[in-house]
Every structure is written in C-alpha cells, then in structure tokens.
N, C-alpha and C. Protein backbone atom coordinates (compact mmCIF):
# COMPACT_ATOMS: atom_id res chain seq x y z
N MET A 1 -56.61 -46.04 -35.03
CA MET A 1 -56.64 -45.82 -33.60
C MET A 1 -54.88 -45.59 -33.24
N ILE A 2 -54.56 -46.54 -33.97
CA ILE A 2 -52.80 -46.17 -33.86
C ILE A 2 -52.18 -45.08 -34.28
N LYS A 3 -52.70 -44.29 -35.14
CA LYS A 3 -52.50 -43.06 -35.48
C LYS A 3 -52.63 -42.09 -34.40
N ILE A 4 -53.95 -42.00 -33.80
CA ILE A 4 -54.47 -41.17 -32.64
C ILE A 4 -53.25 -41.48 -31.56
N PHE A 5 -53.15 -42.45 -31.47
CA PHE A 5 -52.44 -43.21 -30.19
C PHE A 5 -50.94 -42.44 -30.31
N ALA A 6 -50.51 -42.60 -31.83
CA ALA A 6 -49.10 -42.02 -32.07
C ALA A 6 -48.87 -40.69 -31.80
N LEU A 7 -50.13 -40.00 -32.45
CA LEU A 7 -50.06 -38.46 -32.18
C LEU A 7 -50.12 -38.07 -30.63
N MET A 8 -50.97 -38.48 -29.97
CA MET A 8 -51.09 -38.46 -28.56
C MET A 8 -49.91 -38.35 -27.85
N PHE A 9 -49.11 -39.61 -28.06
CA PHE A 9 -47.96 -39.96 -27.43
C PHE A 9 -46.91 -38.84 -27.86
N GLY A 10 -46.88 -38.52 -29.32
CA GLY A 10 -45.81 -37.57 -29.72
C GLY A 10 -46.34 -36.09 -29.27
N GLY A 11 -47.01 -36.05 -28.84
CA GLY A 11 -47.53 -34.41 -28.41
C GLY A 11 -47.10 -34.62 -26.84
N VAL A 12 -47.46 -35.59 -26.15
CA VAL A 12 -47.24 -35.64 -24.71
C VAL A 12 -45.58 -35.69 -24.48
N PHE A 13 -44.85 -36.41 -25.67
CA PHE A 13 -43.37 -36.19 -25.51
C PHE A 13 -42.73 -35.02 -25.70
N LEU A 14 -43.44 -34.35 -26.78
CA LEU A 14 -42.89 -33.06 -27.11
C LEU A 14 -43.37 -32.04 -25.86
N ALA A 15 -44.20 -32.18 -25.16
CA ALA A 15 -44.68 -31.25 -24.11
C ALA A 15 -43.95 -31.78 -22.94
N MET A 16 -43.53 -32.80 -22.49
CA MET A 16 -42.55 -33.26 -21.47
C MET A 16 -41.07 -32.64 -22.00
N ALA A 17 -40.52 -32.81 -23.22
CA ALA A 17 -39.10 -32.60 -23.54
C ALA A 17 -39.11 -31.00 -23.29
N CYS A 18 -40.23 -30.45 -23.56
CA CYS A 18 -40.17 -28.63 -23.50
C CYS A 18 -40.64 -28.30 -22.25
N LYS A 19 -39.87 -28.56 -21.33
CA LYS A 19 -40.76 -27.91 -20.13
C LYS A 19 -40.89 -26.47 -19.84
N GLU A 20 -39.93 -26.02 -20.27
CA GLU A 20 -39.55 -24.41 -20.50
C GLU A 20 -40.24 -23.75 -21.47
N LEU A 21 -40.70 -22.79 -21.40
CA LEU A 21 -41.38 -21.93 -22.48
C LEU A 21 -40.26 -21.21 -23.36
N PRO A 22 -40.20 -21.33 -24.81
CA PRO A 22 -39.18 -20.38 -25.13
C PRO A 22 -39.10 -19.00 -24.94
N SER A 23 -40.08 -18.42 -24.53
CA SER A 23 -40.22 -16.76 -23.85
C SER A 23 -39.34 -17.01 -22.64
N ASN A 24 -39.28 -17.91 -21.91
CA ASN A 24 -38.26 -18.06 -20.88
C ASN A 24 -36.90 -18.00 -21.25
N LYS A 25 -36.68 -18.78 -22.04
CA LYS A 25 -35.34 -19.01 -22.52
C LYS A 25 -34.78 -17.57 -23.08
N ILE A 26 -35.69 -17.07 -23.69
CA ILE A 26 -35.10 -15.85 -24.23
C ILE A 26 -35.01 -14.74 -23.22
N LYS A 27 -35.79 -14.67 -22.28
CA LYS A 27 -35.88 -13.78 -21.10
C LYS A 27 -34.29 -14.28 -20.25
N ASP A 28 -33.86 -15.41 -19.98
CA ASP A 28 -32.96 -15.58 -19.58
C ASP A 28 -31.53 -15.09 -20.23
N LYS A 29 -31.73 -15.38 -21.68
CA LYS A 29 -30.35 -14.82 -22.32
C LYS A 29 -30.29 -13.34 -22.52
N ASN A 30 -31.31 -12.82 -22.23
CA ASN A 30 -31.53 -11.27 -22.26
C ASN A 30 -30.72 -10.79 -20.91
N LEU A 31 -31.14 -11.44 -19.71
CA LEU A 31 -30.84 -11.03 -18.65
C LEU A 31 -28.94 -11.42 -18.26
N ILE A 32 -28.90 -12.34 -19.06
CA ILE A 32 -27.33 -12.60 -18.87
C ILE A 32 -26.65 -11.53 -19.90
N ALA A 33 -27.28 -11.13 -20.97
CA ALA A 33 -26.52 -10.14 -21.90
C ALA A 33 -26.52 -9.11 -21.15
N GLN A 34 -27.41 -8.43 -20.69
CA GLN A 34 -27.82 -7.31 -19.93
C GLN A 34 -26.73 -7.18 -18.76
N SER A 35 -26.45 -8.36 -18.04
CA SER A 35 -25.59 -8.27 -16.96
C SER A 35 -24.09 -8.02 -17.50
N THR A 36 -23.96 -8.76 -18.32
CA THR A 36 -22.38 -8.71 -18.92
C THR A 36 -22.26 -7.30 -19.57
N ILE A 37 -23.29 -6.47 -20.13
CA ILE A 37 -23.01 -5.28 -20.42
C ILE A 37 -22.97 -4.14 -19.18
N VAL A 38 -23.53 -4.64 -18.29
CA VAL A 38 -23.17 -3.69 -17.10
C VAL A 38 -22.03 -3.99 -16.52
N GLU A 39 -21.58 -5.07 -16.32
CA GLU A 39 -20.17 -5.41 -16.13
C GLU A 39 -18.98 -4.70 -16.67
N SER A 40 -19.33 -4.51 -17.82
CA SER A 40 -18.19 -4.24 -18.81
C SER A 40 -18.36 -2.83 -18.68
N GLN A 41 -19.40 -2.27 -18.48
CA GLN A 41 -19.52 -0.46 -18.54
C GLN A 41 -19.05 -0.03 -16.99
N GLN A 42 -18.94 -0.89 -15.92
CA GLN A 42 -18.38 -0.84 -14.83
C GLN A 42 -17.05 -0.77 -14.75
N ALA A 43 -16.47 -1.74 -15.44
CA ALA A 43 -15.14 -1.92 -15.58
C ALA A 43 -14.41 -0.75 -16.45
N ILE A 44 -14.82 -0.41 -17.43
CA ILE A 44 -14.95 0.83 -18.24
C ILE A 44 -14.54 2.32 -17.35
N ASN A 45 -15.60 2.26 -16.50
CA ASN A 45 -15.74 3.48 -15.80
C ASN A 45 -14.48 3.51 -14.48
N ASN A 46 -14.56 2.21 -14.03
CA ASN A 46 -13.27 2.07 -13.20
C ASN A 46 -11.83 2.35 -13.82
N GLN A 47 -11.85 2.13 -14.95
CA GLN A 47 -10.40 2.50 -15.95
C GLN A 47 -10.22 3.82 -16.02
N LEU A 48 -11.51 4.69 -16.42
CA LEU A 48 -11.71 5.89 -16.59
C LEU A 48 -11.24 6.82 -14.99
N ILE A 49 -11.81 6.24 -14.45
CA ILE A 49 -11.69 6.82 -13.09
C ILE A 49 -9.97 6.89 -12.59
N ALA A 50 -9.20 5.66 -12.77
CA ALA A 50 -7.97 5.47 -12.80
C ALA A 50 -7.21 6.43 -13.52
N LEU A 51 -7.51 6.62 -14.73
CA LEU A 51 -6.82 7.48 -15.43
C LEU A 51 -6.77 8.77 -15.06
N GLN A 52 -7.78 9.03 -14.31
CA GLN A 52 -7.88 10.51 -13.94
C GLN A 52 -7.52 10.90 -12.46
N GLU A 53 -6.87 9.86 -11.90
CA GLU A 53 -6.07 10.13 -10.88
C GLU A 53 -4.57 10.37 -11.16
N PRO A 54 -4.00 11.07 -10.16
CA PRO A 54 -2.55 11.21 -10.32
C PRO A 54 -1.94 10.27 -10.30
N THR A 55 -0.52 10.24 -11.11
CA THR A 55 0.39 8.94 -11.40
C THR A 55 1.74 9.50 -11.29
N LEU A 56 2.46 9.07 -10.31
CA LEU A 56 3.87 9.52 -9.99
C LEU A 56 4.70 8.70 -10.66
N LYS A 57 5.78 9.25 -11.59
CA LYS A 57 6.75 8.60 -12.24
C LYS A 57 8.34 9.09 -11.60
N PHE A 58 9.22 8.16 -11.08
CA PHE A 58 10.53 8.70 -10.64
C PHE A 58 11.29 8.56 -11.77
N ASP A 59 12.66 9.40 -11.64
CA ASP A 59 13.52 9.21 -12.63
C ASP A 59 14.56 7.76 -12.36
N LYS A 60 14.28 7.36 -11.10
CA LYS A 60 15.07 6.22 -10.78
C LYS A 60 14.34 5.71 -9.45
N LEU A 61 14.36 4.52 -9.23
CA LEU A 61 13.93 3.94 -8.06
C LEU A 61 14.96 3.64 -7.03
N VAL A 62 16.20 3.47 -7.32
CA VAL A 62 17.27 3.19 -6.34
C VAL A 62 18.45 4.23 -6.65
N HIS A 63 18.83 4.57 -5.78
CA HIS A 63 20.06 5.42 -5.70
C HIS A 63 21.45 4.61 -5.11
N ASP A 64 22.44 4.31 -5.39
CA ASP A 64 23.64 3.73 -4.85
C ASP A 64 24.59 4.51 -4.46
N PHE A 65 24.73 4.66 -3.21
CA PHE A 65 25.87 5.77 -3.17
C PHE A 65 27.21 5.02 -3.01
N GLY A 66 27.47 3.85 -3.23
CA GLY A 66 28.74 3.20 -3.45
C GLY A 66 29.31 2.91 -2.12
N THR A 67 30.78 3.07 -2.04
CA THR A 67 31.25 3.15 -1.15
C THR A 67 31.57 4.34 -0.25
N ILE A 68 31.26 4.42 0.93
CA ILE A 68 31.14 5.79 1.91
C ILE A 68 31.90 5.33 3.22
N GLU A 69 32.44 6.36 3.93
CA GLU A 69 33.06 6.45 5.19
C GLU A 69 32.20 6.16 6.03
N GLU A 70 32.33 5.52 7.14
CA GLU A 70 31.33 5.39 8.36
C GLU A 70 31.32 6.91 9.01
N GLY A 71 29.73 7.49 9.25
CA GLY A 71 29.78 8.73 10.12
C GLY A 71 29.68 9.73 8.73
N GLU A 72 30.05 9.19 7.64
CA GLU A 72 29.42 10.28 6.47
C GLU A 72 27.97 10.47 6.23
N THR A 73 27.56 12.04 5.93
CA THR A 73 26.32 11.85 5.72
C THR A 73 26.13 12.22 4.09
N VAL A 74 25.33 11.40 3.36
CA VAL A 74 25.35 11.86 1.95
C VAL A 74 24.21 12.19 1.80
N GLU A 75 23.78 12.60 0.19
CA GLU A 75 22.43 12.89 -0.22
C GLU A 75 21.78 12.80 -1.50
N THR A 76 21.10 12.42 -1.85
CA THR A 76 20.66 12.25 -3.29
C THR A 76 19.39 12.97 -3.78
N VAL A 77 19.12 12.92 -5.27
CA VAL A 77 17.68 13.63 -5.33
C VAL A 77 16.94 12.63 -6.17
N PHE A 78 15.89 12.19 -5.94
CA PHE A 78 14.85 11.77 -6.89
C PHE A 78 13.80 12.74 -7.55
N TYR A 79 13.85 12.57 -8.77
CA TYR A 79 12.89 13.43 -9.65
C TYR A 79 11.68 12.84 -9.79
N ILE A 80 10.81 13.61 -9.64
CA ILE A 80 9.48 12.84 -9.81
C ILE A 80 8.33 13.53 -10.87
N THR A 81 7.75 13.24 -11.63
CA THR A 81 7.10 13.64 -12.56
C THR A 81 5.31 13.27 -12.60
N ASN A 82 4.62 14.01 -12.64
CA ASN A 82 3.00 13.75 -12.42
C ASN A 82 2.53 13.48 -13.86
N ILE A 83 2.42 12.18 -13.97
CA ILE A 83 1.85 11.98 -15.34
C ILE A 83 0.52 11.53 -15.44
N GLY A 84 -0.20 12.13 -14.43
CA GLY A 84 -1.61 11.72 -14.27
C GLY A 84 -2.59 12.91 -14.76
N GLU A 85 -3.56 12.88 -14.28
CA GLU A 85 -4.44 14.10 -15.05
C GLU A 85 -4.84 14.82 -13.93
N THR A 86 -4.62 14.75 -12.46
CA THR A 86 -5.18 15.63 -11.59
C THR A 86 -3.74 15.85 -10.74
N ASP A 87 -4.07 17.07 -9.83
CA ASP A 87 -2.82 17.28 -8.94
C ASP A 87 -2.34 16.03 -8.12
N LEU A 88 -0.89 15.90 -8.17
CA LEU A 88 -0.42 14.76 -7.27
C LEU A 88 -0.13 15.42 -5.98
N LYS A 89 -0.58 14.79 -4.84
CA LYS A 89 -0.14 15.33 -3.32
C LYS A 89 0.69 14.47 -2.56
N ILE A 90 2.16 14.65 -2.06
CA ILE A 90 2.48 14.06 -1.28
C ILE A 90 2.50 14.34 0.01
N LEU A 91 1.76 13.68 0.67
CA LEU A 91 0.82 13.69 2.07
C LEU A 91 2.19 13.27 3.21
N ASN A 92 2.94 12.89 2.90
CA ASN A 92 4.08 12.55 4.07
C ASN A 92 5.29 11.75 3.19
N ALA A 93 6.22 11.72 4.04
CA ALA A 93 7.21 10.80 3.55
C ALA A 93 8.08 10.43 4.81
N GLU A 94 8.43 9.17 4.68
CA GLU A 94 9.29 8.55 5.70
C GLU A 94 10.17 7.54 5.59
N GLY A 95 11.57 7.79 6.30
CA GLY A 95 12.73 6.99 6.13
C GLY A 95 12.46 5.63 6.74
N SER A 96 12.88 4.71 6.46
CA SER A 96 12.64 3.23 7.12
C SER A 96 13.43 3.35 8.64
N CYS A 97 14.37 4.29 8.76
CA CYS A 97 15.00 4.39 10.09
C CYS A 97 15.40 6.18 10.17
N GLY A 98 15.82 6.50 11.54
CA GLY A 98 16.04 7.66 11.64
C GLY A 98 17.36 8.25 10.88
N CYS A 99 18.21 7.46 10.43
CA CYS A 99 19.20 7.85 9.65
C CYS A 99 18.68 8.32 8.32
N THR A 100 17.74 8.07 7.79
CA THR A 100 17.38 8.41 6.54
C THR A 100 16.20 9.42 6.61
N VAL A 101 16.31 10.65 6.23
CA VAL A 101 15.52 11.43 6.13
C VAL A 101 15.30 12.44 5.05
N PRO A 102 14.00 12.05 4.43
CA PRO A 102 13.73 12.62 3.13
C PRO A 102 12.94 14.17 3.20
N GLU A 103 13.35 15.04 2.29
CA GLU A 103 12.55 16.49 2.01
C GLU A 103 11.60 16.21 0.85
N PHE A 104 10.63 16.54 1.05
CA PHE A 104 9.48 16.43 0.15
C PHE A 104 8.86 17.46 -0.20
N PRO A 105 8.15 18.10 -1.48
CA PRO A 105 7.49 18.96 -1.81
C PRO A 105 5.99 19.06 -1.01
N THR A 106 5.82 19.99 -0.34
CA THR A 106 4.47 20.15 0.16
C THR A 106 3.21 20.69 -0.51
N ASN A 107 3.63 21.21 -1.68
CA ASN A 107 2.68 21.77 -2.73
C ASN A 107 2.30 20.91 -3.85
N PRO A 108 1.00 20.90 -3.97
CA PRO A 108 0.38 19.84 -5.21
C PRO A 108 1.41 19.85 -6.25
N ILE A 109 1.59 18.68 -7.13
CA ILE A 109 2.27 18.96 -8.28
C ILE A 109 1.52 18.48 -9.53
N ALA A 110 1.27 19.78 -10.22
CA ALA A 110 0.37 19.65 -11.59
C ALA A 110 0.43 18.65 -12.40
N PRO A 111 -0.41 18.15 -13.27
CA PRO A 111 -0.09 17.33 -14.22
C PRO A 111 0.70 17.62 -15.30
N GLY A 112 1.81 16.66 -15.44
CA GLY A 112 3.00 17.12 -16.51
C GLY A 112 4.23 17.80 -15.56
N LYS A 113 4.07 18.16 -14.57
CA LYS A 113 5.03 18.86 -13.88
C LYS A 113 6.22 18.21 -13.10
N LYS A 114 7.05 18.61 -12.79
CA LYS A 114 8.34 17.98 -12.18
C LYS A 114 8.51 18.53 -10.72
N ASP A 115 8.96 17.56 -9.85
CA ASP A 115 9.27 18.19 -8.49
C ASP A 115 10.54 17.37 -8.17
N SER A 116 10.93 17.30 -6.89
CA SER A 116 11.91 16.52 -6.49
C SER A 116 11.80 16.22 -4.94
N ILE A 117 12.47 15.04 -4.76
CA ILE A 117 12.48 14.55 -3.08
C ILE A 117 14.16 14.45 -2.97
N ILE A 118 14.50 15.26 -1.79
CA ILE A 118 16.06 15.11 -1.39
C ILE A 118 15.84 13.81 -0.03
N VAL A 119 17.09 13.01 -0.18
CA VAL A 119 17.04 12.10 0.76
C VAL A 119 18.37 11.92 1.12
N LYS A 120 18.32 12.33 2.41
CA LYS A 120 19.91 12.31 3.26
C LYS A 120 20.18 11.23 3.90
N PHE A 121 21.20 10.61 4.09
CA PHE A 121 21.52 9.10 4.70
C PHE A 121 22.74 9.49 5.65
N ASP A 122 22.52 9.53 7.26
CA ASP A 122 23.83 9.34 8.00
C ASP A 122 24.21 8.11 8.08
N SER A 123 25.45 7.88 7.79
CA SER A 123 26.03 6.62 8.06
C SER A 123 26.72 6.19 9.51
N SER A 124 26.64 7.18 10.24
CA SER A 124 27.17 6.93 11.49
C SER A 124 26.74 5.60 12.35
N GLY A 125 27.25 4.79 12.75
CA GLY A 125 27.04 3.70 13.50
C GLY A 125 26.50 2.36 12.65
N PHE A 126 26.77 2.63 11.32
CA PHE A 126 26.65 1.70 10.31
C PHE A 126 27.70 0.94 9.71
N SER A 127 27.92 -0.14 9.27
CA SER A 127 28.76 -0.72 8.59
C SER A 127 28.66 -1.65 7.77
N GLY A 128 29.10 -2.05 6.53
CA GLY A 128 28.72 -2.90 5.63
C GLY A 128 27.92 -2.65 4.64
N ASN A 129 27.17 -3.45 3.89
CA ASN A 129 26.11 -2.99 3.12
C ASN A 129 25.07 -2.65 3.79
N GLN A 130 24.40 -1.50 3.56
CA GLN A 130 23.55 -1.06 4.06
C GLN A 130 21.85 -0.77 2.80
N GLN A 131 21.03 -0.98 3.19
CA GLN A 131 19.80 -0.33 2.19
C GLN A 131 18.61 -0.03 2.90
N LYS A 132 18.10 0.97 2.39
CA LYS A 132 17.12 1.90 3.36
C LYS A 132 15.99 2.30 2.30
N THR A 133 14.96 2.49 2.87
CA THR A 133 13.49 2.60 1.94
C THR A 133 12.99 4.09 2.40
N VAL A 134 12.61 4.75 1.57
CA VAL A 134 11.71 6.09 1.78
C VAL A 134 10.64 5.77 1.26
N THR A 135 9.42 5.86 1.97
CA THR A 135 8.05 5.44 1.70
C THR A 135 7.50 6.77 1.61
N LEU A 136 6.55 6.94 0.55
CA LEU A 136 5.67 8.33 0.02
C LEU A 136 4.51 8.05 0.24
N HIS A 137 3.48 8.66 1.22
CA HIS A 137 2.34 8.56 1.44
C HIS A 137 1.51 9.72 0.54
N THR A 138 0.94 9.02 -0.63
CA THR A 138 0.30 10.02 -1.91
C THR A 138 -1.21 9.79 -1.94
N ASN A 139 -1.60 10.54 -2.83
CA ASN A 139 -3.03 10.62 -3.41
C ASN A 139 -2.89 9.75 -4.72
N THR A 140 -2.01 8.97 -4.97
CA THR A 140 -1.92 8.22 -6.33
C THR A 140 -2.92 7.04 -5.78
N ALA A 141 -3.41 6.16 -6.81
CA ALA A 141 -4.12 4.83 -6.72
C ALA A 141 -3.70 4.15 -5.90
N ASN A 142 -2.37 3.77 -5.64
CA ASN A 142 -1.54 3.23 -4.74
C ASN A 142 -1.21 3.23 -3.39
N GLY A 143 -1.36 4.58 -2.96
CA GLY A 143 -1.42 5.58 -1.77
C GLY A 143 -0.24 5.61 -1.31
N GLU A 144 0.74 4.77 -1.72
CA GLU A 144 2.08 4.58 -1.30
C GLU A 144 2.67 4.16 -2.58
N GLU A 145 4.47 4.82 -2.49
CA GLU A 145 5.32 4.73 -3.32
C GLU A 145 6.56 4.70 -2.62
N ARG A 146 7.24 4.03 -3.05
CA ARG A 146 8.73 3.62 -2.64
C ARG A 146 10.18 3.78 -3.50
N VAL A 147 10.91 4.40 -2.94
CA VAL A 147 12.22 4.43 -3.32
C VAL A 147 13.29 3.81 -2.26
N ARG A 148 14.48 3.65 -2.65
CA ARG A 148 15.32 3.06 -1.94
C ARG A 148 16.85 3.47 -2.39
N ILE A 149 17.62 3.47 -1.12
CA ILE A 149 19.11 4.02 -1.50
C ILE A 149 20.09 2.97 -0.64
N ARG A 150 21.01 2.86 -1.32
CA ARG A 150 22.09 1.67 -0.81
C ARG A 150 23.51 2.27 -0.59
N ALA A 151 24.30 1.54 0.18
CA ALA A 151 25.57 2.50 0.60
C ALA A 151 26.29 1.03 1.20
N THR A 152 27.66 0.94 0.53
CA THR A 152 28.61 0.03 1.31
C THR A 152 29.66 0.95 2.25
N ILE A 153 29.55 0.89 3.73
CA ILE A 153 29.81 1.57 4.56
C ILE A 153 31.29 0.93 5.00
N GLN A 154 32.65 1.93 5.02
CA GLN A 154 33.72 1.26 5.45
C GLN A 154 34.12 2.04 6.61
N GLU A 155 34.49 1.15 7.79
CA GLU A 155 35.05 1.76 9.06
C GLU A 155 36.62 2.52 9.12
C-alpha cells in the first residue's frame, strides 16, 4: 500500500512540477529564435540600403581665412566626392547669415565623382573672431551636411 501511495504521490508531484508540456517549450524557443532571425535580417537590409545611398566626403570641414581686413570679401573652395553608390544631389545650400554665400553644383554628382562648393564671405561690418556655417541640404542619409569658415577681422 505504501508503494502504491508513493507511486501516486510521485506521479502527482511530477505532473505538478511540469505544468507546461515539453512541446510548448519547444514552440516558445522556436518563436524566439525565429524573431531573432527576422530582426537580424531587417538590420542587414537596413545596412544594405544605407550603403546604396550617396555619401558625401569633404576635403576639409573647416576653412580658416586667418586675419583679414574689415570690408574684405574672401572665398574658399570645399571639394566634395560622392563615395556612395547612387547619385549625390545637393538640393540647396545656405549660409548662417547673409554675409556667407555658397555656390553649389545643381547637377547630380555620380558615384566616385568630385565637384566643388565655393563659399564667399563678406567681412563688412564685422570685427574680431568670426565663424560661419554653410548647411547643404542633400539626399544623403543625414539629409544635411555642414562646413564652416573662420576669420579674424581687423578694423
């Protein structure tokens, strides 16, 4: 009788300890693994799309004119290269103030090709250390790219 009671108690104990069927555990593990695979594939696809976008590379990000006289107009050239996989388009370029005027290419820049942006700075009405920004609105992943100019203006 004790043996039967022990066997029944053991069976009930095992049944209570294993509330979940082993097949359910396998299904859960498969769902987790499948979702991890899907997430990995999405990340790889996003990276591939990013690689196919145009990527702009500047020869320099900052140009320092050094010391110039107040009222002097100076200019510099920023050379750009499209190191991406599709045409680079500069949609617009704007200076941080009216004294800074960029001239930019309006035609697309093919992958591997170079072009230039001319930035003119009119120092009239300024003195001391000046720093201005030119913002390019592009079809790159960032959507905007920036270069800066600096000058120390003497009166």
